[in-house]
C-alpha atoms as a PDB file:
ATOM      1  CA  MET A   1     233.733  -7.683  99.434  1.00  0.00           C
ATOM      2  CA  PRO A   2     230.122  -6.991  99.860  1.00  0.00           C
ATOM      3  CA  GLU A   3     227.650  -7.171  97.375  1.00  0.00           C
ATOM      4  CA  LYS A   4     224.903  -4.577  96.877  1.00  0.00           C
ATOM      5  CA  LEU A   5     221.468  -5.334  96.313  1.00  0.00           C
ATOM      6  CA  ASP A   6     219.468  -3.348  93.933  1.00  0.00           C
ATOM      7  CA  PHE A   7     215.735  -2.878  94.707  1.00  0.00           C
ATOM      8  CA  SER A   8     215.046   0.029  92.141  1.00  0.00           C
ATOM      9  CA  ASN A   9     213.355  -2.368  89.512  1.00  0.00           C
ATOM     10  CA  VAL A  10     211.198  -4.011  92.693  1.00  0.00           C
ATOM     11  CA  PRO A  11     207.232  -2.748  91.825  1.00  0.00           C
ATOM     12  CA  LEU A  12     205.232  -1.223  94.631  1.00  0.00           C
ATOM     13  CA  ARG A  13     202.075  -2.365  93.106  1.00  0.00           C
ATOM     14  CA  PRO A  14     202.284  -5.086  91.808  1.00  0.00           C
ATOM     15  CA  THR A  15     200.157  -6.156  88.449  1.00  0.00           C
ATOM     16  CA  SER A  16     201.280 -10.092  88.153  1.00  0.00           C
ATOM     17  CA  LYS A  17     202.396 -12.697  89.808  1.00  0.00           C
ATOM     18  CA  ARG A  18     205.925 -11.989  88.919  1.00  0.00           C
ATOM     19  CA  GLU A  19     205.590  -8.965  90.383  1.00  0.00           C
ATOM     20  CA  ILE A  20     203.984 -10.319  94.010  1.00  0.00           C
ATOM     21  CA  ARG A  21     206.754 -12.479  94.260  1.00  0.00           C
ATOM     22  CA  LEU A  22     209.584 -10.030  93.339  1.00  0.00           C
ATOM     23  CA  LEU A  23     208.015  -7.503  96.098  1.00  0.00           C
ATOM     24  CA  GLU A  24     207.364 -10.476  98.206  1.00  0.00           C
ATOM     25  CA  THR A  25     211.258 -11.367  97.887  1.00  0.00           C
ATOM     26  CA  ALA A  26     212.835  -7.814  98.267  1.00  0.00           C
ATOM     27  CA  LEU A  27     210.374  -7.963 101.333  1.00  0.00           C
ATOM     28  CA  ILE A  28     212.020 -10.869 102.754  1.00  0.00           C
ATOM     29  CA  VAL A  29     215.474 -10.116 102.101  1.00  0.00           C
ATOM     30  CA  GLY A  30     215.086  -6.324 103.271  1.00  0.00           C
ATOM     31  CA  THR A  31     213.501  -7.495 106.535  1.00  0.00           C
ATOM     32  CA  LEU A  32     215.945 -10.711 107.168  1.00  0.00           C
ATOM     33  CA  TYR A  33     219.410  -8.709 106.744  1.00  0.00           C
ATOM     34  CA  ARG A  34     217.872  -5.967 109.134  1.00  0.00           C
ATOM     35  CA  PRO A  35     220.303  -6.085 112.603  1.00  0.00           C
ATOM     36  CA  ASP A  36     217.624  -6.512 115.008  1.00  0.00           C
ATOM     37  CA  ILE A  37     215.529  -9.299 113.152  1.00  0.00           C
ATOM     38  CA  MET A  38     219.149 -10.987 112.727  1.00  0.00           C
ATOM     39  CA  GLU A  39     219.980 -10.874 116.261  1.00  0.00           C
ATOM     40  CA  LEU A  40     216.047 -12.130 116.662  1.00  0.00           C
ATOM     41  CA  ILE A  41     216.503 -14.995 114.541  1.00  0.00           C
ATOM     42  CA  ARG A  42     220.128 -16.793 115.966  1.00  0.00           C
ATOM     43  CA  ASP A  43     217.984 -18.215 118.614  1.00  0.00           C
ATOM     44  CA  PRO A  44     217.212 -21.662 117.299  1.00  0.00           C
ATOM     45  CA  LEU A  45     213.931 -21.895 118.936  1.00  0.00           C
ATOM     46  CA  GLU A  46     212.633 -18.344 118.021  1.00  0.00           C
ATOM     47  CA  LYS A  47     214.454 -18.600 114.160  1.00  0.00           C
ATOM     48  CA  ALA A  48     211.304 -21.049 112.714  1.00  0.00           C
ATOM     49  CA  THR A  49     208.456 -18.599 114.064  1.00  0.00           C
ATOM     50  CA  TRP A  50     210.321 -15.290 112.954  1.00  0.00           C
ATOM     51  CA  LEU A  51     210.858 -16.700 109.526  1.00  0.00           C
ATOM     52  CA  ASP A  52     207.531 -18.085 109.229  1.00  0.00           C
ATOM     53  CA  SER A  53     205.808 -15.172 110.407  1.00  0.00           C
ATOM     54  CA  LEU A  54     207.996 -12.525 108.668  1.00  0.00           C
ATOM     55  CA  ALA A  55     207.463 -14.727 105.383  1.00  0.00           C
ATOM     56  CA  VAL A  56     204.197 -14.933 105.716  1.00  0.00           C
ATOM     57  CA  ALA A  57     203.517 -11.069 106.800  1.00  0.00           C
ATOM     58  CA  ALA A  58     205.647 -10.029 103.113  1.00  0.00           C
ATOM     59  CA  ALA A  59     203.438 -12.213 101.048  1.00  0.00           C
ATOM     60  CA  ALA A  60     200.527 -10.460 102.491  1.00  0.00           C
ATOM     61  CA  LEU A  61     201.279  -7.193 102.103  1.00  0.00           C
ATOM     62  CA  ALA A  62     202.697  -7.974  98.808  1.00  0.00           C
ATOM     63  CA  ARG A  63     199.289  -9.611  97.897  1.00  0.00           C
ATOM     64  CA  GLU A  64     197.692  -6.477  99.584  1.00  0.00           C
ATOM     65  CA  LYS A  65     199.562  -3.706  97.576  1.00  0.00           C
ATOM     66  CA  ALA A  66     198.585  -6.127  94.245  1.00  0.00           C
ATOM     67  CA  GLY A  67     194.850  -5.113  95.253  1.00  0.00           C
ATOM     68  CA  TYR A  68     194.032  -8.678  96.281  1.00  0.00           C
ATOM     69  CA  THR A  69     191.052  -8.722  98.898  1.00  0.00           C
ATOM     70  CA  VAL A  70     192.098 -10.114 102.571  1.00  0.00           C
ATOM     71  CA  SER A  71     189.818 -12.864 102.371  1.00  0.00           C
ATOM     72  CA  GLN A  72     192.072 -13.594  98.478  1.00  0.00           C
ATOM     73  CA  ILE A  73     195.026 -13.405 100.699  1.00  0.00           C
ATOM     74  CA  ALA A  74     194.287 -15.805 103.081  1.00  0.00           C
ATOM     75  CA  GLU A  75     193.031 -18.410 101.113  1.00  0.00           C
ATOM     76  CA  GLU A  76     196.289 -18.098  98.871  1.00  0.00           C
ATOM     77  CA  LEU A  77     198.220 -18.112 101.954  1.00  0.00           C
ATOM     78  CA  GLY A  78     196.826 -20.688 103.452  1.00  0.00           C
ATOM     79  CA  ARG A  79     196.332 -18.465 106.748  1.00  0.00           C
ATOM     80  CA  SER A  80     193.018 -17.076 108.579  1.00  0.00           C
ATOM     81  CA  GLU A  81     191.554 -13.731 108.076  1.00  0.00           C
ATOM     82  CA  THR A  82     192.758 -13.167 110.905  1.00  0.00           C
ATOM     83  CA  THR A  83     196.006 -13.506 111.134  1.00  0.00           C
ATOM     84  CA  ILE A  84     196.324 -12.155 107.590  1.00  0.00           C
ATOM     85  CA  ARG A  85     194.878  -8.318 109.115  1.00  0.00           C
ATOM     86  CA  ALA A  86     197.123  -8.825 112.067  1.00  0.00           C
ATOM     87  CA  HIS A  87     199.608  -8.819 109.876  1.00  0.00           C
ATOM     88  CA  LEU A  88     198.447  -6.383 107.331  1.00  0.00           C
ATOM     89  CA  SER A  89     197.224  -3.583 110.076  1.00  0.00           C
ATOM     90  CA  GLY A  90     200.717  -3.638 112.139  1.00  0.00           C
ATOM     91  CA  LYS A  91     198.950  -5.678 115.253  1.00  0.00           C
ATOM     92  CA  THR A  92     201.961  -8.257 114.903  1.00  0.00           C
ATOM     93  CA  LYS A  93     205.527  -7.500 115.334  1.00  0.00           C
ATOM     94  CA  ALA A  94     206.603  -9.456 111.541  1.00  0.00           C
ATOM     95  CA  GLY A  95     203.583  -7.463 110.167  1.00  0.00           C
ATOM     96  CA  LYS A  96     205.003  -4.148 111.406  1.00  0.00           C
ATOM     97  CA  ILE A  97     208.417  -4.847 110.602  1.00  0.00           C
ATOM     98  CA  VAL A  98     207.659  -5.943 106.783  1.00  0.00           C
ATOM     99  CA  ARG A  99     205.421  -2.686 106.514  1.00  0.00           C
ATOM    100  CA  GLU A 100     208.492  -0.451 107.333  1.00  0.00           C
ATOM    101  CA  THR A 101     210.574  -1.964 105.181  1.00  0.00           C
ATOM    102  CA  TYR A 102     207.976  -1.438 102.469  1.00  0.00           C
ATOM    103  CA  GLU A 103     207.538   2.032 103.560  1.00  0.00           C
ATOM    104  CA  LYS A 104     211.806   2.609 103.078  1.00  0.00           C
ATOM    105  CA  LEU A 105     211.801   0.697  99.684  1.00  0.00           C
ATOM    106  CA  ALA A 106     209.283   2.623  98.640  1.00  0.00           C
ATOM    107  CA  ARG A 107     210.806   5.898  99.691  1.00  0.00           C
ATOM    108  CA  GLY A 108     213.882   4.256  97.842  1.00  0.00           C
ATOM    109  CA  GLN A 109     215.829   4.038 101.109  1.00  0.00           C
ATOM    110  CA  LEU A 110     216.276   0.203 101.138  1.00  0.00           C
ATOM    111  CA  GLU A 111     219.840  -0.502 100.866  1.00  0.00           C
ATOM    112  CA  LEU A 112     221.771  -3.716 101.745  1.00  0.00           C
ATOM    113  CA  SER A 113     225.558  -4.313 101.781  1.00  0.00           C
ATOM    114  CA  ILE A 114     225.623  -8.206 102.633  1.00  0.00           C
ATOM    115  CA  PRO A 115     228.868 -10.210 102.577  1.00  0.00           C
ATOM    116  CA  PHE A 116     228.106 -13.298 100.949  1.00  0.00           C
ATOM    117  CA  ILE A 117     229.946 -15.908 102.527  1.00  0.00           C
ATOM    118  CA  ALA A 118     229.988 -19.303 100.562  1.00  0.00           C
ATOM    119  CA  GLY A 119     226.948 -21.309 101.522  1.00  0.00           C
ATOM    120  CA  GLY A 120     225.573 -18.168 102.723  1.00  0.00           C
ATOM    121  CA  GLN A 121     223.214 -17.723 100.348  1.00  0.00           C
ATOM    122  CA  GLN A 122     222.491 -21.240  99.508  1.00  0.00           C
ATOM    123  CA  GLU A 123     221.400 -21.516 103.611  1.00  0.00           C
ATOM    124  CA  LEU A 124     219.020 -18.629 103.219  1.00  0.00           C
ATOM    125  CA  SER A 125     217.845 -20.300 100.011  1.00  0.00           C
ATOM    126  CA  GLU A 126     217.209 -23.633 101.452  1.00  0.00           C
ATOM    127  CA  GLU A 127     215.416 -21.855 104.636  1.00  0.00           C
ATOM    128  CA  LEU A 128     213.279 -20.112 101.804  1.00  0.00           C
ATOM    129  CA  GLU A 129     212.163 -23.077 100.264  1.00  0.00           C
ATOM    130  CA  GLU A 130     211.349 -25.092 103.234  1.00  0.00           C
ATOM    131  CA  LEU A 131     209.081 -22.292 104.986  1.00  0.00           C
ATOM    132  CA  ARG A 132     207.197 -22.412 100.947  1.00  0.00           C
ATOM    133  CA  LEU A 133     207.635 -26.756 101.720  1.00  0.00           C
ATOM    134  CA  GLU A 134     205.898 -26.083 104.925  1.00  0.00           C
ATOM    135  CA  ASN A 135     203.322 -23.257 103.414  1.00  0.00           C
ATOM    136  CA  GLU A 136     202.201 -25.851 100.714  1.00  0.00           C
ATOM    137  CA  LYS A 137     201.317 -28.401 103.196  1.00  0.00           C
ATOM    138  CA  LEU A 138     199.466 -26.303 104.988  1.00  0.00           C
ATOM    139  CA  ARG A 139     197.555 -25.041 102.616  1.00  0.00           C
ATOM    140  CA  LYS A 140     196.823 -28.729 101.625  1.00  0.00           C
ATOM    141  CA  GLU A 141     195.781 -29.564 104.849  1.00  0.00           C
ATOM    142  CA  LEU A 142     193.438 -26.263 104.993  1.00  0.00           C
ATOM    143  CA  GLU A 143     191.809 -27.561 102.170  1.00  0.00           C
ATOM    144  CA  GLN A 144     191.168 -30.789 103.468  1.00  0.00           C
ATOM    145  CA  CYS A 145     189.622 -28.874 106.847  1.00  0.00           C
ATOM    146  CA  ARG A 146     187.403 -27.094 104.202  1.00  0.00           C
ATOM    147  CA  GLU A 147     186.674 -30.377 102.799  1.00  0.00           C
ATOM    148  CA  ILE A 148     185.342 -31.471 106.196  1.00  0.00           C
ATOM    149  CA  GLU A 149     183.662 -29.100 106.958  1.00  0.00           C
ATOM    150  CA  THR A 150     181.752 -29.149 103.607  1.00  0.00           C
ATOM    151  CA  ILE A 151     181.154 -32.812 104.562  1.00  0.00           C
ATOM    152  CA  ARG A 152     180.264 -31.992 108.299  1.00  0.00           C
ATOM    153  CA  LYS A 153     177.349 -29.241 107.160  1.00  0.00           C
ATOM    154  CA  GLN A 154     175.923 -31.763 104.668  1.00  0.00           C
ATOM    155  CA  LEU A 155     175.457 -34.350 107.282  1.00  0.00           C
ATOM    156  CA  GLU A 156     173.869 -31.789 109.219  1.00  0.00           C
ATOM    157  CA  GLU A 157     171.517 -30.800 106.263  1.00  0.00           C
ATOM    158  CA  ILE A 158     171.056 -34.749 106.269  1.00  0.00           C
ATOM    159  CA  ARG A 159     170.482 -35.159 109.608  1.00  0.00           C
ATOM    160  CA  GLY A 160     167.880 -32.132 109.850  1.00  0.00           C
ATOM    161  CA  GLU A 161     166.211 -33.966 106.613  1.00  0.00           C
ATOM    162  CA  ILE A 162     165.748 -37.010 108.669  1.00  0.00           C
ATOM    163  CA  GLY A 163     164.388 -35.331 111.619  1.00  0.00           C
ATOM    164  CA  LYS A 164     161.660 -33.904 109.547  1.00  0.00           C
ATOM    165  CA  LEU A 165     160.928 -37.430 108.096  1.00  0.00           C
ATOM    166  CA  GLU A 166     160.806 -38.557 111.631  1.00  0.00           C
ATOM    167  CA  ALA A 167     158.222 -35.894 112.833  1.00  0.00           C
ATOM    168  CA  GLU A 168     156.486 -36.498 109.222  1.00  0.00           C
ATOM    169  CA  LYS A 169     156.711 -40.572 110.487  1.00  0.00           C
ATOM    170  CA  LYS A 170     154.912 -39.904 113.889  1.00  0.00           C
ATOM    171  CA  GLU A 171     152.327 -37.414 111.936  1.00  0.00           C
ATOM    172  CA  LEU A 172     151.382 -40.187 109.429  1.00  0.00           C
ATOM    173  CA  GLU A 173     151.120 -42.975 112.356  1.00  0.00           C
ATOM    174  CA  THR A 174     148.844 -41.150 114.501  1.00  0.00           C
ATOM    175  CA  ARG A 175     146.277 -40.052 111.368  1.00  0.00           C
ATOM    176  CA  LEU A 176     146.946 -43.759 110.941  1.00  0.00           C
ATOM    177  CA  GLU A 177     145.886 -44.905 114.243  1.00  0.00           C
ATOM    178  CA  GLU A 178     142.917 -42.136 114.307  1.00  0.00           C
ATOM    179  CA  CYS A 179     141.302 -43.387 110.793  1.00  0.00           C
ATOM    180  CA  ALA A 180     142.136 -47.215 112.401  1.00  0.00           C
ATOM    181  CA  GLU A 181     139.753 -46.144 115.226  1.00  0.00           C
ATOM    182  CA  LYS A 182     137.275 -44.314 112.765  1.00  0.00           C
ATOM    183  CA  ALA A 183     137.343 -47.618 110.860  1.00  0.00           C
ATOM    184  CA  LYS A 184     136.160 -49.710 113.905  1.00  0.00           C
ATOM    185  CA  LEU A 185     133.594 -47.211 115.041  1.00  0.00           C
ATOM    186  CA  ILE A 186     132.172 -47.389 111.459  1.00  0.00           C
ATOM    187  CA  GLU A 187     132.061 -50.835 111.646  1.00  0.00           C
ATOM    188  CA  GLU A 188     130.464 -51.026 115.074  1.00  0.00           C
ATOM    189  CA  ILE A 189     127.773 -48.521 113.814  1.00  0.00           C
ATOM    190  CA  ARG A 190     127.600 -50.601 110.477  1.00  0.00           C
ATOM    191  CA  SER A 191     127.153 -53.596 112.545  1.00  0.00           C
ATOM    192  CA  LEU A 192     124.393 -51.955 115.136  1.00  0.00           C
ATOM    193  CA  VAL A 193     122.791 -50.745 111.856  1.00  0.00           C
ATOM    194  CA  CYS A 194     122.494 -53.546 110.181  1.00  0.00           C
ATOM    195  CA  GLY A 195     121.727 -55.753 113.185  1.00  0.00           C
ATOM    196  CA  THR A 196     118.446 -53.836 113.802  1.00  0.00           C
ATOM    197  CA  GLN A 197     116.827 -54.382 110.554  1.00  0.00           C
END
């Protein structure tokens, strides 16, 4: 017998991490069980891409509804601000579909009757866990990239300082040569003056 999912307690404007996760989960589940999406994710080649895009779009929308800025969302999800904006503005298909799910949820029209067959729920949980692990891995890679970028900027600053020091060294060498020439000239004048007395 199909089990009905109750979305009535899902917060539309989350105020805590827990509520954000509730809204995010409702958006993912509500979107994944749309017939058109189920058809799309049957293709093994499309499945990983679609699941990832839908998960990111749902996570981004849930955080936007909680009042996060685009940069906060991008940092938390380990994606670029451009990607997050594209999902939130509906420029991506995943972003558009997830927003439609949110609107149904807001109107109280999101109802799902899911025939949970043995292992089906477990399979979905495993796929979501895989996506979370991949997301965590991407976050770590992004953090490493940020550290590398910081080091690169520091190296650029050091190179700039070295360039300035080299210019100062050349200027000092030029002055030193000028001083040596002046000292030589003074010595020659002294010899001439002393020699004539």
